[in-house]
Amino acid sequence: MIILGIDPGLAIVGWAVLEAVRGNTRPIAYGAITTPAHTDIEKRLVMIEEDLAEIIEKYKPEEVAIEELFFNTNSTTAIAVAEARGVILLTAHKAGVRIYEYTPLQVKSAVVGYGKAEKHQVIAMVTSILKLPKPPKPDDTADAVAIALCHAQSSGSAMGQYFNKRT
């Protein structure tokens, strides 16, 4: 199975493509979609849509794993990221790719084994599990790799299927 993991954002959208076959997971590609600051939000959203559509076309993922949003402070940032996340969901849906959502707690638990793990611990585990030569950069890309890895490890489990029911 080819999985596209996405860490949504407006300035930076982390993405990672992994192949998961019978419990073995290997990285195919990863990176970040970036949009320039001081650009109209609608133009930034179009950039995200166009770049993501190219990634989907190139790697042909069967499933997309995306992080659910969690904000506890800046509502202005939350709205902009939510708008970007909406574009991401729409782009994946229009491409016919199944979408699965994971909370930060689920991702950290799946990758590190502890839901309150620090970012550096997640990055270290992703690098180790996938035997990467160096940690993915920027952090948004590392998060996307972790999200894809979480999906690879939990999508077939009963718990993963329970939390990701699609109606």
C-alpha atoms as a PDB file:
ATOM      1  CA  MET A   1       0.000   0.000   0.000  1.00  0.00           C
ATOM      2  CA  ILE A   2       1.237   3.502  -0.830  1.00  0.00           C
ATOM      3  CA  ILE A   3       0.443   6.035   1.918  1.00  0.00           C
ATOM      4  CA  LEU A   4       0.654   9.808   1.683  1.00  0.00           C
ATOM      5  CA  GLY A   5       1.076  11.400   5.110  1.00  0.00           C
ATOM      6  CA  ILE A   6       0.253  15.081   5.443  1.00  0.00           C
ATOM      7  CA  ASP A   7       0.947  17.617   8.166  1.00  0.00           C
ATOM      8  CA  PRO A   8      -1.407  20.466   7.207  1.00  0.00           C
ATOM      9  CA  GLY A   9      -0.389  24.090   7.302  1.00  0.00           C
ATOM     10  CA  LEU A  10      -0.623  27.285   5.312  1.00  0.00           C
ATOM     11  CA  ALA A  11       3.040  28.352   5.194  1.00  0.00           C
ATOM     12  CA  ILE A  12       4.366  24.776   5.160  1.00  0.00           C
ATOM     13  CA  VAL A  13       2.553  21.530   4.329  1.00  0.00           C
ATOM     14  CA  GLY A  14       4.713  18.568   5.253  1.00  0.00           C
ATOM     15  CA  TRP A  15       4.212  15.467   3.105  1.00  0.00           C
ATOM     16  CA  ALA A  16       5.623  11.963   3.013  1.00  0.00           C
ATOM     17  CA  VAL A  17       5.023   8.959   0.791  1.00  0.00           C
ATOM     18  CA  LEU A  18       5.652   5.540   2.333  1.00  0.00           C
ATOM     19  CA  GLU A  19       5.153   2.040   1.017  1.00  0.00           C
ATOM     20  CA  ALA A  20       3.796  -0.437   3.566  1.00  0.00           C
ATOM     21  CA  VAL A  21       3.808  -4.130   2.664  1.00  0.00           C
ATOM     22  CA  ARG A  22       3.131  -6.900   5.192  1.00  0.00           C
ATOM     23  CA  GLY A  23       4.494  -4.975   8.165  1.00  0.00           C
ATOM     24  CA  ASN A  24       7.497  -3.576   6.296  1.00  0.00           C
ATOM     25  CA  THR A  25       7.502   0.146   5.672  1.00  0.00           C
ATOM     26  CA  ARG A  26       9.926   2.036   3.476  1.00  0.00           C
ATOM     27  CA  PRO A  27      10.139   5.699   2.521  1.00  0.00           C
ATOM     28  CA  ILE A  28       9.562   6.617  -1.111  1.00  0.00           C
ATOM     29  CA  ALA A  29       9.751  10.422  -0.927  1.00  0.00           C
ATOM     30  CA  TYR A  30       9.104  13.292   1.452  1.00  0.00           C
ATOM     31  CA  GLY A  31       9.250  17.038   1.458  1.00  0.00           C
ATOM     32  CA  ALA A  32       7.310  20.215   2.048  1.00  0.00           C
ATOM     33  CA  ILE A  33       4.982  22.425   0.079  1.00  0.00           C
ATOM     34  CA  THR A  34       5.782  26.021   0.981  1.00  0.00           C
ATOM     35  CA  THR A  35       3.857  29.180   0.271  1.00  0.00           C
ATOM     36  CA  PRO A  36       5.345  32.658   0.537  1.00  0.00           C
ATOM     37  CA  ALA A  37       4.370  34.955   3.375  1.00  0.00           C
ATOM     38  CA  HIS A  38       2.624  38.196   2.467  1.00  0.00           C
ATOM     39  CA  THR A  39       0.773  36.454  -0.380  1.00  0.00           C
ATOM     40  CA  ASP A  40      -3.023  36.533  -0.517  1.00  0.00           C
ATOM     41  CA  ILE A  41      -4.444  33.494   1.242  1.00  0.00           C
ATOM     42  CA  GLU A  42      -6.467  32.402  -1.790  1.00  0.00           C
ATOM     43  CA  LYS A  43      -3.257  32.318  -3.878  1.00  0.00           C
ATOM     44  CA  ARG A  44      -1.518  30.292  -1.178  1.00  0.00           C
ATOM     45  CA  LEU A  45      -4.408  27.825  -1.107  1.00  0.00           C
ATOM     46  CA  VAL A  46      -4.192  27.417  -4.891  1.00  0.00           C
ATOM     47  CA  MET A  47      -0.443  26.744  -4.585  1.00  0.00           C
ATOM     48  CA  ILE A  48      -1.129  24.040  -2.011  1.00  0.00           C
ATOM     49  CA  GLU A  49      -3.820  22.465  -4.175  1.00  0.00           C
ATOM     50  CA  GLU A  50      -1.675  22.461  -7.316  1.00  0.00           C
ATOM     51  CA  ASP A  51       1.442  21.079  -5.605  1.00  0.00           C
ATOM     52  CA  LEU A  52      -0.525  18.419  -3.717  1.00  0.00           C
ATOM     53  CA  ALA A  53      -2.329  17.353  -6.896  1.00  0.00           C
ATOM     54  CA  GLU A  54       1.107  16.885  -8.547  1.00  0.00           C
ATOM     55  CA  ILE A  55       2.332  14.774  -5.623  1.00  0.00           C
ATOM     56  CA  ILE A  56      -0.787  12.603  -5.761  1.00  0.00           C
ATOM     57  CA  GLU A  57      -0.457  12.213  -9.532  1.00  0.00           C
ATOM     58  CA  LYS A  58       3.241  11.327  -9.299  1.00  0.00           C
ATOM     59  CA  TYR A  59       3.119   8.829  -6.403  1.00  0.00           C
ATOM     60  CA  LYS A  60      -0.468   7.553  -6.745  1.00  0.00           C
ATOM     61  CA  PRO A  61      -1.116   6.926  -3.046  1.00  0.00           C
ATOM     62  CA  GLU A  62      -3.925   4.554  -2.150  1.00  0.00           C
ATOM     63  CA  GLU A  63      -4.571   6.270   1.168  1.00  0.00           C
ATOM     64  CA  VAL A  64      -3.940   9.664   2.723  1.00  0.00           C
ATOM     65  CA  ALA A  65      -3.274  10.051   6.436  1.00  0.00           C
ATOM     66  CA  ILE A  66      -3.671  13.592   7.730  1.00  0.00           C
ATOM     67  CA  GLU A  67      -3.300  15.072  11.168  1.00  0.00           C
ATOM     68  CA  GLU A  68      -6.398  16.468  12.832  1.00  0.00           C
ATOM     69  CA  LEU A  69      -6.047  20.062  13.926  1.00  0.00           C
ATOM     70  CA  PHE A  70      -5.434  20.913  17.540  1.00  0.00           C
ATOM     71  CA  PHE A  71      -5.043  24.530  18.646  1.00  0.00           C
ATOM     72  CA  ASN A  72      -5.153  26.022  22.074  1.00  0.00           C
ATOM     73  CA  THR A  73      -4.060  29.608  21.451  1.00  0.00           C
ATOM     74  CA  ASN A  74      -3.955  31.589  18.183  1.00  0.00           C
ATOM     75  CA  SER A  75      -7.387  31.441  16.516  1.00  0.00           C
ATOM     76  CA  THR A  76      -6.248  33.460  13.481  1.00  0.00           C
ATOM     77  CA  THR A  77      -3.598  30.869  12.700  1.00  0.00           C
ATOM     78  CA  ALA A  78      -6.108  28.091  13.377  1.00  0.00           C
ATOM     79  CA  ILE A  79      -8.531  29.461  10.791  1.00  0.00           C
ATOM     80  CA  ALA A  80      -5.845  29.782   8.100  1.00  0.00           C
ATOM     81  CA  VAL A  81      -4.549  26.263   8.765  1.00  0.00           C
ATOM     82  CA  ALA A  82      -8.123  24.925   8.766  1.00  0.00           C
ATOM     83  CA  GLU A  83      -8.678  26.532   5.360  1.00  0.00           C
ATOM     84  CA  ALA A  84      -5.497  24.892   4.049  1.00  0.00           C
ATOM     85  CA  ARG A  85      -6.566  21.575   5.561  1.00  0.00           C
ATOM     86  CA  GLY A  86      -9.909  21.896   3.760  1.00  0.00           C
ATOM     87  CA  VAL A  87      -8.118  22.357   0.440  1.00  0.00           C
ATOM     88  CA  ILE A  88      -5.939  19.318   1.204  1.00  0.00           C
ATOM     89  CA  LEU A  89      -8.967  17.158   2.023  1.00  0.00           C
ATOM     90  CA  LEU A  90     -10.790  18.328  -1.102  1.00  0.00           C
ATOM     91  CA  THR A  91      -7.762  17.665  -3.326  1.00  0.00           C
ATOM     92  CA  ALA A  92      -7.322  14.134  -1.978  1.00  0.00           C
ATOM     93  CA  HIS A  93     -11.047  13.421  -2.237  1.00  0.00           C
ATOM     94  CA  LYS A  94     -11.228  14.669  -5.830  1.00  0.00           C
ATOM     95  CA  ALA A  95      -8.281  12.401  -6.682  1.00  0.00           C
ATOM     96  CA  GLY A  96     -10.235   9.437  -5.320  1.00  0.00           C
ATOM     97  CA  VAL A  97      -7.848   8.713  -2.466  1.00  0.00           C
ATOM     98  CA  ARG A  98      -9.214   7.358   0.835  1.00  0.00           C
ATOM     99  CA  ILE A  99      -8.607   9.751   3.725  1.00  0.00           C
ATOM    100  CA  TYR A 100      -7.802   8.836   7.325  1.00  0.00           C
ATOM    101  CA  GLU A 101      -7.355  11.264  10.197  1.00  0.00           C
ATOM    102  CA  TYR A 102      -5.172  10.964  13.289  1.00  0.00           C
ATOM    103  CA  THR A 103      -4.800  13.124  16.375  1.00  0.00           C
ATOM    104  CA  PRO A 104      -1.329  14.185  17.512  1.00  0.00           C
ATOM    105  CA  LEU A 105      -1.774  11.819  20.489  1.00  0.00           C
ATOM    106  CA  GLN A 106      -2.450   8.875  18.160  1.00  0.00           C
ATOM    107  CA  VAL A 107       0.573   9.691  16.008  1.00  0.00           C
ATOM    108  CA  LYS A 108       2.929  10.015  18.974  1.00  0.00           C
ATOM    109  CA  SER A 109       1.565   6.835  20.563  1.00  0.00           C
ATOM    110  CA  ALA A 110       2.001   4.838  17.358  1.00  0.00           C
ATOM    111  CA  VAL A 111       5.493   6.102  16.576  1.00  0.00           C
ATOM    112  CA  VAL A 112       7.057   6.607  20.016  1.00  0.00           C
ATOM    113  CA  GLY A 113       4.764   4.586  22.268  1.00  0.00           C
ATOM    114  CA  TYR A 114       3.948   7.626  24.386  1.00  0.00           C
ATOM    115  CA  GLY A 115       1.213  10.119  23.512  1.00  0.00           C
ATOM    116  CA  LYS A 116       2.959  13.075  25.141  1.00  0.00           C
ATOM    117  CA  ALA A 117       6.306  12.528  23.447  1.00  0.00           C
ATOM    118  CA  GLU A 118       8.383  15.577  22.559  1.00  0.00           C
ATOM    119  CA  LYS A 119       8.941  16.525  18.928  1.00  0.00           C
ATOM    120  CA  HIS A 120      12.620  15.507  19.043  1.00  0.00           C
ATOM    121  CA  GLN A 121      11.605  12.033  20.248  1.00  0.00           C
ATOM    122  CA  VAL A 122       9.174  11.622  17.336  1.00  0.00           C
ATOM    123  CA  ILE A 123      11.818  12.755  14.852  1.00  0.00           C
ATOM    124  CA  ALA A 124      14.395  10.375  16.338  1.00  0.00           C
ATOM    125  CA  MET A 125      11.988   7.413  16.172  1.00  0.00           C
ATOM    126  CA  VAL A 126      10.917   8.164  12.588  1.00  0.00           C
ATOM    127  CA  THR A 127      14.569   8.376  11.555  1.00  0.00           C
ATOM    128  CA  SER A 128      15.382   5.126  13.345  1.00  0.00           C
ATOM    129  CA  ILE A 129      12.338   3.077  12.278  1.00  0.00           C
ATOM    130  CA  LEU A 130      12.714   3.984   8.612  1.00  0.00           C
ATOM    131  CA  LYS A 131      16.544   3.856   8.735  1.00  0.00           C
ATOM    132  CA  LEU A 132      16.802   7.329   7.242  1.00  0.00           C
ATOM    133  CA  PRO A 133      20.310   8.720   6.737  1.00  0.00           C
ATOM    134  CA  LYS A 134      19.322  11.916   8.554  1.00  0.00           C
ATOM    135  CA  PRO A 135      16.180  13.364  10.165  1.00  0.00           C
ATOM    136  CA  PRO A 136      13.623  14.787   7.720  1.00  0.00           C
ATOM    137  CA  LYS A 137      13.580  18.580   7.531  1.00  0.00           C
ATOM    138  CA  PRO A 138      11.730  20.809   8.151  1.00  0.00           C
ATOM    139  CA  ASP A 139       9.860  19.587  11.241  1.00  0.00           C
ATOM    140  CA  ASP A 140       6.588  19.666   9.255  1.00  0.00           C
ATOM    141  CA  THR A 141       8.042  17.035   6.916  1.00  0.00           C
ATOM    142  CA  ALA A 142       9.136  14.903   9.869  1.00  0.00           C
ATOM    143  CA  ASP A 143       5.592  15.201  11.234  1.00  0.00           C
ATOM    144  CA  ALA A 144       4.181  14.046   7.882  1.00  0.00           C
ATOM    145  CA  VAL A 145       6.497  11.026   7.918  1.00  0.00           C
ATOM    146  CA  ALA A 146       5.276  10.235  11.455  1.00  0.00           C
ATOM    147  CA  ILE A 147       1.634  10.543  10.354  1.00  0.00           C
ATOM    148  CA  ALA A 148       2.191   8.182   7.421  1.00  0.00           C
ATOM    149  CA  LEU A 149       4.079   5.761   9.682  1.00  0.00           C
ATOM    150  CA  CYS A 150       1.250   5.913  12.227  1.00  0.00           C
ATOM    151  CA  HIS A 151      -1.213   4.977   9.499  1.00  0.00           C
ATOM    152  CA  ALA A 152       1.012   2.154   8.248  1.00  0.00           C
ATOM    153  CA  GLN A 153       1.247   0.741  11.754  1.00  0.00           C
ATOM    154  CA  SER A 154      -2.354   1.185  12.859  1.00  0.00           C
ATOM    155  CA  SER A 155      -4.639   1.200   9.825  1.00  0.00           C
ATOM    156  CA  GLY A 156      -5.036  -2.564   9.790  1.00  0.00           C
ATOM    157  CA  SER A 157      -5.659  -2.837  13.506  1.00  0.00           C
ATOM    158  CA  ALA A 158      -9.138  -3.046  14.999  1.00  0.00           C
ATOM    159  CA  MET A 159      -8.457   0.174  16.916  1.00  0.00           C
ATOM    160  CA  GLY A 160      -7.358   1.981  13.770  1.00  0.00           C
ATOM    161  CA  GLN A 161     -10.442   0.826  11.904  1.00  0.00           C
ATOM    162  CA  TYR A 162     -12.695   1.899  14.788  1.00  0.00           C
ATOM    163  CA  PHE A 163     -11.294   5.435  14.935  1.00  0.00           C
ATOM    164  CA  ASN A 164     -11.251   5.874  11.170  1.00  0.00           C
ATOM    165  CA  LYS A 165     -14.749   4.771  10.201  1.00  0.00           C
ATOM    166  CA  ARG A 166     -15.922   6.648   7.142  1.00  0.00           C
ATOM    167  CA  THR A 167     -19.622   7.162   6.731  1.00  0.00           C
END
